[in-house]
Amino acid sequence: MKILFVIACLFVTCISFSQNNYIVKTDDGRRVLLKADFTWEYIDADSATTKANKKAMPLPEANTASNCGVDAGFEEPALNQKIQNQLKKGRATIEDVKDKVSKDYNCDVSDVVLLSFKEQKAKATYNFCVKGTKVTYKRTGFSIIKSWNMK
C-alpha cells in the first residue's frame, strides 16, 4: 500500500511540473519562453544579437499617409480597454504592436497609424499605415507577426 501511495505522489508531482512555462536560452543568446500549451515567444526580442541580425523592411519613396487614404483629421479607432488590460502581462497591447511595427520598418512610433482592427482576447488583426504603406499584423495570444498577403 505504501508503494502505491509513493507512486501516486510521484505521478502527481510529475504532472504538476509538466504544466509550467520554461525560459530557455538559444545558441545565439536569445531567451525563449516555452509555454505549457506548446507555443513559444521570444522574451528579449530587442537584444543586441537580434538587432545585429535584423534588417529593416523597405519603405516606398513616397512617405505620406495620403497613400493609405488617411485624411489630416483622421483619428485612430478606439480599442476595447478590457482586452488591452488583459494583454498587458504578455506585452501584446496596441502600444507593443505599434512598437514592433516601427522597429520592423525602422521609423518612429508616431509614423504608425492604426487604420482598422478585428480584436478578440485570443487573436487580432491590425491594419496600419506606415509612412504611406499599408501593412497588416496579426496577434495570436501574445505573439505578434507580420501578415504576408499573397496576391
N, C-alpha and C. Protein backbone atom coordinates (compact mmCIF):
# COMPACT_ATOMS: atom_id res chain seq x y z
N MET A 1 0.83 -1.20 0.00
CA MET A 1 0.00 0.00 0.00
C MET A 1 0.87 1.25 0.00
N LYS A 2 1.99 1.20 0.73
CA LYS A 2 2.87 2.36 0.78
C LYS A 2 3.49 2.63 -0.58
N ILE A 3 3.78 1.58 -1.32
CA ILE A 3 4.38 1.73 -2.63
C ILE A 3 3.41 2.42 -3.59
N LEU A 4 2.14 2.05 -3.53
CA LEU A 4 1.13 2.70 -4.38
C LEU A 4 0.99 4.18 -4.04
N PHE A 5 1.07 4.49 -2.75
CA PHE A 5 0.99 5.89 -2.33
C PHE A 5 2.18 6.68 -2.86
N VAL A 6 3.38 6.13 -2.77
CA VAL A 6 4.58 6.80 -3.26
C VAL A 6 4.52 6.99 -4.76
N ILE A 7 4.07 5.97 -5.50
CA ILE A 7 3.94 6.07 -6.95
C ILE A 7 2.92 7.14 -7.32
N ALA A 8 1.81 7.20 -6.61
CA ALA A 8 0.79 8.22 -6.87
C ALA A 8 1.33 9.62 -6.62
N CYS A 9 2.10 9.78 -5.54
CA CYS A 9 2.70 11.09 -5.24
C CYS A 9 3.70 11.50 -6.33
N LEU A 10 4.50 10.58 -6.79
CA LEU A 10 5.45 10.87 -7.85
C LEU A 10 4.73 11.24 -9.15
N PHE A 11 3.66 10.54 -9.45
CA PHE A 11 2.87 10.82 -10.65
C PHE A 11 2.27 12.23 -10.60
N VAL A 12 1.70 12.60 -9.46
CA VAL A 12 1.10 13.93 -9.30
C VAL A 12 2.18 15.01 -9.40
N THR A 13 3.34 14.76 -8.82
CA THR A 13 4.44 15.71 -8.89
C THR A 13 4.91 15.91 -10.33
N CYS A 14 5.04 14.83 -11.07
CA CYS A 14 5.47 14.93 -12.47
C CYS A 14 4.47 15.72 -13.30
N ILE A 15 3.20 15.50 -13.06
CA ILE A 15 2.17 16.22 -13.81
C ILE A 15 2.21 17.71 -13.47
N SER A 16 2.41 18.05 -12.20
CA SER A 16 2.44 19.46 -11.83
C SER A 16 3.65 20.17 -12.42
N PHE A 17 4.79 19.50 -12.52
CA PHE A 17 5.97 20.12 -13.13
C PHE A 17 5.81 20.25 -14.65
N SER A 18 5.05 19.40 -15.25
CA SER A 18 4.91 19.45 -16.71
C SER A 18 4.00 20.59 -17.16
N GLN A 19 3.27 21.23 -16.26
CA GLN A 19 2.36 22.31 -16.62
C GLN A 19 3.00 23.68 -16.55
N ASN A 20 4.26 23.79 -16.19
CA ASN A 20 4.92 25.09 -16.04
C ASN A 20 5.46 25.60 -17.35
N ASN A 21 5.66 26.91 -17.40
CA ASN A 21 6.34 27.54 -18.52
C ASN A 21 7.83 27.58 -18.21
N TYR A 22 8.65 27.44 -19.23
CA TYR A 22 10.09 27.42 -19.03
C TYR A 22 10.75 28.49 -19.90
N ILE A 23 11.82 29.06 -19.38
CA ILE A 23 12.63 30.01 -20.12
C ILE A 23 13.93 29.32 -20.47
N VAL A 24 14.24 29.28 -21.77
CA VAL A 24 15.48 28.66 -22.23
C VAL A 24 16.25 29.68 -23.05
N LYS A 25 17.53 29.41 -23.23
CA LYS A 25 18.40 30.30 -23.99
C LYS A 25 18.86 29.57 -25.25
N THR A 26 18.75 30.23 -26.40
CA THR A 26 19.15 29.63 -27.66
C THR A 26 20.67 29.74 -27.83
N ASP A 27 21.18 29.12 -28.88
CA ASP A 27 22.62 29.15 -29.15
C ASP A 27 23.13 30.56 -29.42
N ASP A 28 22.28 31.41 -30.01
CA ASP A 28 22.73 32.76 -30.31
C ASP A 28 22.45 33.75 -29.18
N GLY A 29 22.04 33.28 -28.02
CA GLY A 29 21.91 34.13 -26.84
C GLY A 29 20.53 34.68 -26.56
N ARG A 30 19.56 34.43 -27.41
CA ARG A 30 18.21 34.94 -27.18
C ARG A 30 17.47 34.05 -26.19
N ARG A 31 16.62 34.66 -25.37
CA ARG A 31 15.82 33.90 -24.41
C ARG A 31 14.44 33.64 -25.02
N VAL A 32 13.94 32.42 -24.81
CA VAL A 32 12.66 32.00 -25.37
C VAL A 32 11.80 31.47 -24.23
N LEU A 33 10.52 31.88 -24.21
CA LEU A 33 9.56 31.37 -23.23
C LEU A 33 8.81 30.21 -23.87
N LEU A 34 9.01 29.00 -23.32
CA LEU A 34 8.29 27.82 -23.78
C LEU A 34 7.06 27.66 -22.91
N LYS A 35 5.90 27.70 -23.52
CA LYS A 35 4.64 27.66 -22.76
C LYS A 35 4.11 26.24 -22.68
N ALA A 36 3.24 26.00 -21.72
CA ALA A 36 2.67 24.68 -21.50
C ALA A 36 1.72 24.27 -22.63
N ASP A 37 1.20 25.22 -23.39
CA ASP A 37 0.29 24.91 -24.49
C ASP A 37 1.03 24.72 -25.82
N PHE A 38 2.33 24.40 -25.74
CA PHE A 38 3.18 24.09 -26.90
C PHE A 38 3.38 25.28 -27.83
N THR A 39 3.33 26.49 -27.29
CA THR A 39 3.67 27.68 -28.06
C THR A 39 4.92 28.30 -27.44
N TRP A 40 5.53 29.24 -28.15
CA TRP A 40 6.73 29.89 -27.64
C TRP A 40 6.76 31.32 -28.12
N GLU A 41 7.59 32.14 -27.46
CA GLU A 41 7.80 33.51 -27.88
C GLU A 41 9.14 33.99 -27.36
N TYR A 42 9.74 34.91 -28.09
CA TYR A 42 11.00 35.50 -27.65
C TYR A 42 10.72 36.45 -26.50
N ILE A 43 11.52 36.39 -25.46
CA ILE A 43 11.34 37.28 -24.32
C ILE A 43 12.03 38.60 -24.57
N ASP A 44 13.28 38.57 -24.95
CA ASP A 44 14.01 39.81 -25.18
C ASP A 44 14.33 39.93 -26.66
N ALA A 45 13.32 40.27 -27.43
CA ALA A 45 13.49 40.39 -28.88
C ALA A 45 14.31 41.61 -29.24
N ASP A 46 14.59 42.50 -28.26
CA ASP A 46 15.34 43.71 -28.53
C ASP A 46 16.82 43.57 -28.16
N SER A 47 17.28 42.35 -27.95
CA SER A 47 18.67 42.16 -27.53
C SER A 47 19.62 42.56 -28.65
N ALA A 48 20.88 42.70 -28.30
CA ALA A 48 21.88 43.16 -29.28
C ALA A 48 22.06 42.16 -30.41
N THR A 49 21.89 40.89 -30.11
CA THR A 49 22.08 39.89 -31.17
C THR A 49 20.98 39.97 -32.21
N THR A 50 19.74 40.22 -31.78
CA THR A 50 18.67 40.31 -32.76
C THR A 50 18.74 41.62 -33.52
N LYS A 51 19.21 42.69 -32.88
CA LYS A 51 19.34 43.96 -33.60
C LYS A 51 20.41 43.86 -34.68
N ALA A 52 21.45 43.11 -34.39
CA ALA A 52 22.52 42.95 -35.38
C ALA A 52 22.05 42.11 -36.56
N ASN A 53 21.19 41.14 -36.30
CA ASN A 53 20.74 40.23 -37.35
C ASN A 53 19.50 40.74 -38.08
N LYS A 54 18.78 41.69 -37.49
CA LYS A 54 17.52 42.16 -38.07
C LYS A 54 17.77 43.22 -39.13
N LYS A 55 17.09 43.09 -40.25
CA LYS A 55 17.18 44.09 -41.30
C LYS A 55 15.85 44.81 -41.38
N ALA A 56 15.87 46.09 -41.61
CA ALA A 56 14.65 46.86 -41.71
C ALA A 56 13.94 46.54 -43.01
N MET A 57 12.61 46.50 -42.94
CA MET A 57 11.83 46.26 -44.13
C MET A 57 11.83 47.51 -44.99
N PRO A 58 11.82 47.36 -46.31
CA PRO A 58 11.93 48.54 -47.18
C PRO A 58 10.67 49.39 -47.15
N LEU A 59 10.88 50.68 -47.31
CA LEU A 59 9.78 51.64 -47.39
C LEU A 59 9.72 52.20 -48.80
N PRO A 60 8.56 52.57 -49.28
CA PRO A 60 8.48 53.19 -50.59
C PRO A 60 9.03 54.62 -50.56
N GLU A 61 9.21 55.20 -51.75
CA GLU A 61 9.76 56.55 -51.83
C GLU A 61 8.80 57.58 -51.25
N ALA A 62 7.52 57.45 -51.54
CA ALA A 62 6.53 58.41 -51.05
C ALA A 62 6.22 58.09 -49.60
N ASN A 63 6.56 58.99 -48.70
CA ASN A 63 6.39 58.76 -47.28
C ASN A 63 5.23 59.58 -46.71
N THR A 64 4.13 59.62 -47.38
CA THR A 64 2.99 60.37 -46.89
C THR A 64 1.87 59.42 -46.53
N ALA A 65 1.10 59.81 -45.53
CA ALA A 65 -0.03 58.98 -45.10
C ALA A 65 -1.18 59.04 -46.09
N SER A 66 -1.14 59.97 -47.03
CA SER A 66 -2.23 60.08 -48.00
C SER A 66 -2.28 58.87 -48.93
N ASN A 67 -1.17 58.14 -49.09
CA ASN A 67 -1.18 56.93 -49.90
C ASN A 67 -2.06 55.85 -49.29
N CYS A 68 -2.30 55.91 -48.01
CA CYS A 68 -3.15 54.93 -47.33
C CYS A 68 -4.60 55.38 -47.29
N GLY A 69 -4.90 56.54 -47.79
CA GLY A 69 -6.26 57.06 -47.75
C GLY A 69 -6.60 57.69 -46.42
N VAL A 70 -5.59 58.17 -45.69
CA VAL A 70 -5.79 58.78 -44.38
C VAL A 70 -5.84 60.30 -44.55
N ASP A 71 -6.90 60.90 -44.04
CA ASP A 71 -7.05 62.36 -44.09
C ASP A 71 -6.27 63.00 -42.95
N ALA A 72 -6.12 64.30 -43.01
CA ALA A 72 -5.36 65.03 -41.99
C ALA A 72 -6.05 64.95 -40.62
N GLY A 73 -7.36 64.90 -40.58
CA GLY A 73 -8.09 64.86 -39.31
C GLY A 73 -8.45 63.45 -38.86
N PHE A 74 -7.78 62.45 -39.39
CA PHE A 74 -8.10 61.06 -39.07
C PHE A 74 -7.77 60.73 -37.62
N GLU A 75 -8.70 60.07 -36.93
CA GLU A 75 -8.47 59.61 -35.57
C GLU A 75 -8.48 58.09 -35.58
N GLU A 76 -7.55 57.49 -34.87
CA GLU A 76 -7.46 56.04 -34.81
C GLU A 76 -8.69 55.48 -34.09
N PRO A 77 -9.15 54.30 -34.51
CA PRO A 77 -10.31 53.70 -33.83
C PRO A 77 -9.96 53.31 -32.40
N ALA A 78 -10.95 53.38 -31.53
CA ALA A 78 -10.75 53.06 -30.11
C ALA A 78 -10.81 51.54 -29.92
N LEU A 79 -9.88 51.03 -29.14
CA LEU A 79 -9.81 49.60 -28.86
C LEU A 79 -10.54 49.30 -27.56
N ASN A 80 -10.91 48.03 -27.37
CA ASN A 80 -11.56 47.58 -26.16
C ASN A 80 -10.55 47.59 -25.02
N GLN A 81 -10.75 48.45 -24.02
CA GLN A 81 -9.78 48.59 -22.93
C GLN A 81 -9.72 47.35 -22.04
N LYS A 82 -10.81 46.60 -21.95
CA LYS A 82 -10.79 45.38 -21.15
C LYS A 82 -9.82 44.36 -21.75
N ILE A 83 -9.86 44.21 -23.07
CA ILE A 83 -8.93 43.29 -23.74
C ILE A 83 -7.52 43.81 -23.65
N GLN A 84 -7.32 45.11 -23.82
CA GLN A 84 -5.97 45.70 -23.74
C GLN A 84 -5.36 45.52 -22.36
N ASN A 85 -6.17 45.64 -21.31
CA ASN A 85 -5.67 45.42 -19.95
C ASN A 85 -5.25 43.97 -19.74
N GLN A 86 -5.95 43.03 -20.35
CA GLN A 86 -5.58 41.63 -20.23
C GLN A 86 -4.30 41.32 -21.00
N LEU A 87 -4.02 42.08 -22.04
CA LEU A 87 -2.84 41.84 -22.87
C LEU A 87 -1.58 42.48 -22.30
N LYS A 88 -1.70 43.28 -21.25
CA LYS A 88 -0.54 43.96 -20.69
C LYS A 88 0.50 42.98 -20.16
N LYS A 89 0.06 41.90 -19.53
CA LYS A 89 1.02 40.98 -18.92
C LYS A 89 1.88 40.27 -19.96
N GLY A 90 1.38 40.13 -21.17
CA GLY A 90 2.14 39.45 -22.22
C GLY A 90 2.81 40.39 -23.20
N ARG A 91 2.79 41.69 -22.89
CA ARG A 91 3.39 42.69 -23.77
C ARG A 91 2.83 42.59 -25.19
N ALA A 92 1.51 42.61 -25.30
CA ALA A 92 0.87 42.49 -26.60
C ALA A 92 -0.23 43.55 -26.79
N THR A 93 -0.12 44.66 -26.07
CA THR A 93 -1.09 45.73 -26.23
C THR A 93 -0.85 46.44 -27.57
N ILE A 94 -1.72 47.36 -27.91
CA ILE A 94 -1.57 48.07 -29.18
C ILE A 94 -0.28 48.89 -29.20
N GLU A 95 0.15 49.40 -28.05
CA GLU A 95 1.43 50.12 -27.99
C GLU A 95 2.59 49.19 -28.33
N ASP A 96 2.53 47.95 -27.84
CA ASP A 96 3.58 46.98 -28.13
C ASP A 96 3.57 46.58 -29.61
N VAL A 97 2.37 46.46 -30.18
CA VAL A 97 2.27 46.12 -31.61
C VAL A 97 2.83 47.26 -32.45
N LYS A 98 2.47 48.50 -32.10
CA LYS A 98 2.98 49.66 -32.84
C LYS A 98 4.50 49.76 -32.70
N ASP A 99 5.01 49.44 -31.52
CA ASP A 99 6.46 49.46 -31.31
C ASP A 99 7.15 48.44 -32.21
N LYS A 100 6.56 47.25 -32.34
CA LYS A 100 7.13 46.22 -33.20
C LYS A 100 7.09 46.66 -34.67
N VAL A 101 5.98 47.26 -35.08
CA VAL A 101 5.86 47.73 -36.47
C VAL A 101 6.90 48.81 -36.75
N SER A 102 7.07 49.73 -35.81
CA SER A 102 8.04 50.81 -36.02
C SER A 102 9.46 50.27 -36.08
N LYS A 103 9.77 49.24 -35.32
CA LYS A 103 11.10 48.64 -35.39
C LYS A 103 11.29 47.87 -36.69
N ASP A 104 10.24 47.18 -37.14
CA ASP A 104 10.33 46.44 -38.40
C ASP A 104 10.56 47.37 -39.58
N TYR A 105 9.94 48.54 -39.55
CA TYR A 105 10.03 49.48 -40.66
C TYR A 105 11.02 50.61 -40.40
N ASN A 106 11.74 50.54 -39.29
CA ASN A 106 12.80 51.50 -38.97
C ASN A 106 12.29 52.94 -39.00
N CYS A 107 11.25 53.19 -38.21
CA CYS A 107 10.67 54.52 -38.15
C CYS A 107 10.22 54.79 -36.72
N ASP A 108 9.68 55.97 -36.47
CA ASP A 108 9.15 56.30 -35.15
C ASP A 108 7.77 55.70 -34.96
N VAL A 109 7.38 55.54 -33.70
CA VAL A 109 6.04 55.02 -33.39
C VAL A 109 4.98 56.00 -33.87
N SER A 110 5.31 57.29 -33.90
CA SER A 110 4.34 58.30 -34.36
C SER A 110 4.03 58.17 -35.84
N ASP A 111 4.89 57.48 -36.61
CA ASP A 111 4.64 57.27 -38.03
C ASP A 111 3.70 56.10 -38.30
N VAL A 112 3.36 55.34 -37.27
CA VAL A 112 2.49 54.17 -37.41
C VAL A 112 1.08 54.58 -37.02
N VAL A 113 0.15 54.45 -37.97
CA VAL A 113 -1.25 54.85 -37.76
C VAL A 113 -2.13 53.61 -37.88
N LEU A 114 -2.94 53.35 -36.85
CA LEU A 114 -3.88 52.24 -36.87
C LEU A 114 -5.08 52.61 -37.73
N LEU A 115 -5.31 51.85 -38.80
CA LEU A 115 -6.44 52.13 -39.70
C LEU A 115 -7.69 51.38 -39.27
N SER A 116 -7.54 50.07 -39.04
CA SER A 116 -8.68 49.25 -38.63
C SER A 116 -8.16 48.04 -37.88
N PHE A 117 -9.08 47.32 -37.23
CA PHE A 117 -8.69 46.15 -36.46
C PHE A 117 -9.87 45.22 -36.27
N LYS A 118 -9.56 43.96 -36.02
CA LYS A 118 -10.51 42.95 -35.56
C LYS A 118 -9.85 42.30 -34.37
N GLU A 119 -10.41 42.50 -33.18
CA GLU A 119 -9.70 42.09 -31.98
C GLU A 119 -10.58 41.24 -31.08
N GLN A 120 -10.00 40.15 -30.61
CA GLN A 120 -10.57 39.30 -29.58
C GLN A 120 -9.47 39.08 -28.56
N LYS A 121 -9.80 38.40 -27.47
CA LYS A 121 -8.79 38.15 -26.45
C LYS A 121 -7.70 37.22 -26.98
N ALA A 122 -8.06 36.20 -27.74
CA ALA A 122 -7.10 35.20 -28.19
C ALA A 122 -6.37 35.59 -29.47
N LYS A 123 -7.00 36.41 -30.31
CA LYS A 123 -6.36 36.75 -31.58
C LYS A 123 -6.85 38.11 -32.05
N ALA A 124 -6.07 38.70 -32.97
CA ALA A 124 -6.44 40.00 -33.51
C ALA A 124 -5.74 40.21 -34.84
N THR A 125 -6.31 41.09 -35.65
CA THR A 125 -5.71 41.52 -36.91
C THR A 125 -5.73 43.04 -36.91
N TYR A 126 -4.56 43.65 -37.14
CA TYR A 126 -4.43 45.10 -37.13
C TYR A 126 -3.95 45.56 -38.50
N ASN A 127 -4.60 46.58 -39.04
CA ASN A 127 -4.18 47.20 -40.30
C ASN A 127 -3.59 48.56 -39.98
N PHE A 128 -2.34 48.78 -40.42
CA PHE A 128 -1.63 50.01 -40.13
C PHE A 128 -1.24 50.71 -41.43
N CYS A 129 -0.99 52.01 -41.30
CA CYS A 129 -0.36 52.79 -42.35
C CYS A 129 0.98 53.24 -41.79
N VAL A 130 2.07 52.81 -42.45
CA VAL A 130 3.42 53.15 -42.00
C VAL A 130 4.07 53.96 -43.10
N LYS A 131 4.13 55.26 -42.92
CA LYS A 131 4.75 56.17 -43.88
C LYS A 131 4.26 55.92 -45.30
N GLY A 132 2.96 55.78 -45.46
CA GLY A 132 2.38 55.63 -46.79
C GLY A 132 2.19 54.20 -47.25
N THR A 133 2.57 53.22 -46.47
CA THR A 133 2.43 51.81 -46.84
C THR A 133 1.42 51.14 -45.93
N LYS A 134 0.46 50.43 -46.52
CA LYS A 134 -0.49 49.67 -45.73
C LYS A 134 0.13 48.33 -45.36
N VAL A 135 0.11 48.00 -44.07
CA VAL A 135 0.64 46.72 -43.59
C VAL A 135 -0.37 46.11 -42.63
N THR A 136 -0.32 44.79 -42.53
CA THR A 136 -1.21 44.06 -41.64
C THR A 136 -0.37 43.20 -40.70
N TYR A 137 -0.70 43.27 -39.42
CA TYR A 137 -0.04 42.44 -38.41
C TYR A 137 -1.12 41.62 -37.71
N LYS A 138 -0.74 40.41 -37.33
CA LYS A 138 -1.66 39.52 -36.62
C LYS A 138 -1.10 39.20 -35.25
N ARG A 139 -2.03 39.07 -34.30
CA ARG A 139 -1.66 38.66 -32.95
C ARG A 139 -2.41 37.38 -32.61
N THR A 140 -1.66 36.37 -32.20
CA THR A 140 -2.25 35.13 -31.70
C THR A 140 -1.74 34.96 -30.29
N GLY A 141 -2.63 35.08 -29.32
CA GLY A 141 -2.19 35.07 -27.93
C GLY A 141 -1.35 36.31 -27.68
N PHE A 142 -0.07 36.11 -27.30
CA PHE A 142 0.82 37.23 -27.08
C PHE A 142 1.86 37.36 -28.19
N SER A 143 1.78 36.54 -29.22
CA SER A 143 2.74 36.58 -30.32
C SER A 143 2.23 37.51 -31.42
N ILE A 144 3.13 38.37 -31.91
CA ILE A 144 2.77 39.35 -32.93
C ILE A 144 3.63 39.10 -34.15
N ILE A 145 2.98 38.91 -35.31
CA ILE A 145 3.73 38.67 -36.54
C ILE A 145 3.14 39.49 -37.68
N LYS A 146 3.96 39.74 -38.69
CA LYS A 146 3.50 40.45 -39.88
C LYS A 146 2.73 39.48 -40.74
N SER A 147 1.62 39.90 -41.28
CA SER A 147 0.80 39.09 -42.15
C SER A 147 1.26 39.31 -43.58
N TRP A 148 1.69 38.26 -44.24
CA TRP A 148 2.15 38.35 -45.62
C TRP A 148 0.99 37.96 -46.52
N ASN A 149 0.42 38.95 -47.19
CA ASN A 149 -0.70 38.71 -48.09
C ASN A 149 -0.17 38.33 -49.46
N MET A 150 -0.46 37.13 -49.89
CA MET A 150 -0.03 36.65 -51.19
C MET A 150 -1.16 36.94 -52.18
N LYS A 151 -0.90 37.80 -53.16
CA LYS A 151 -1.94 38.14 -54.14
C LYS A 151 -1.48 37.75 -55.51
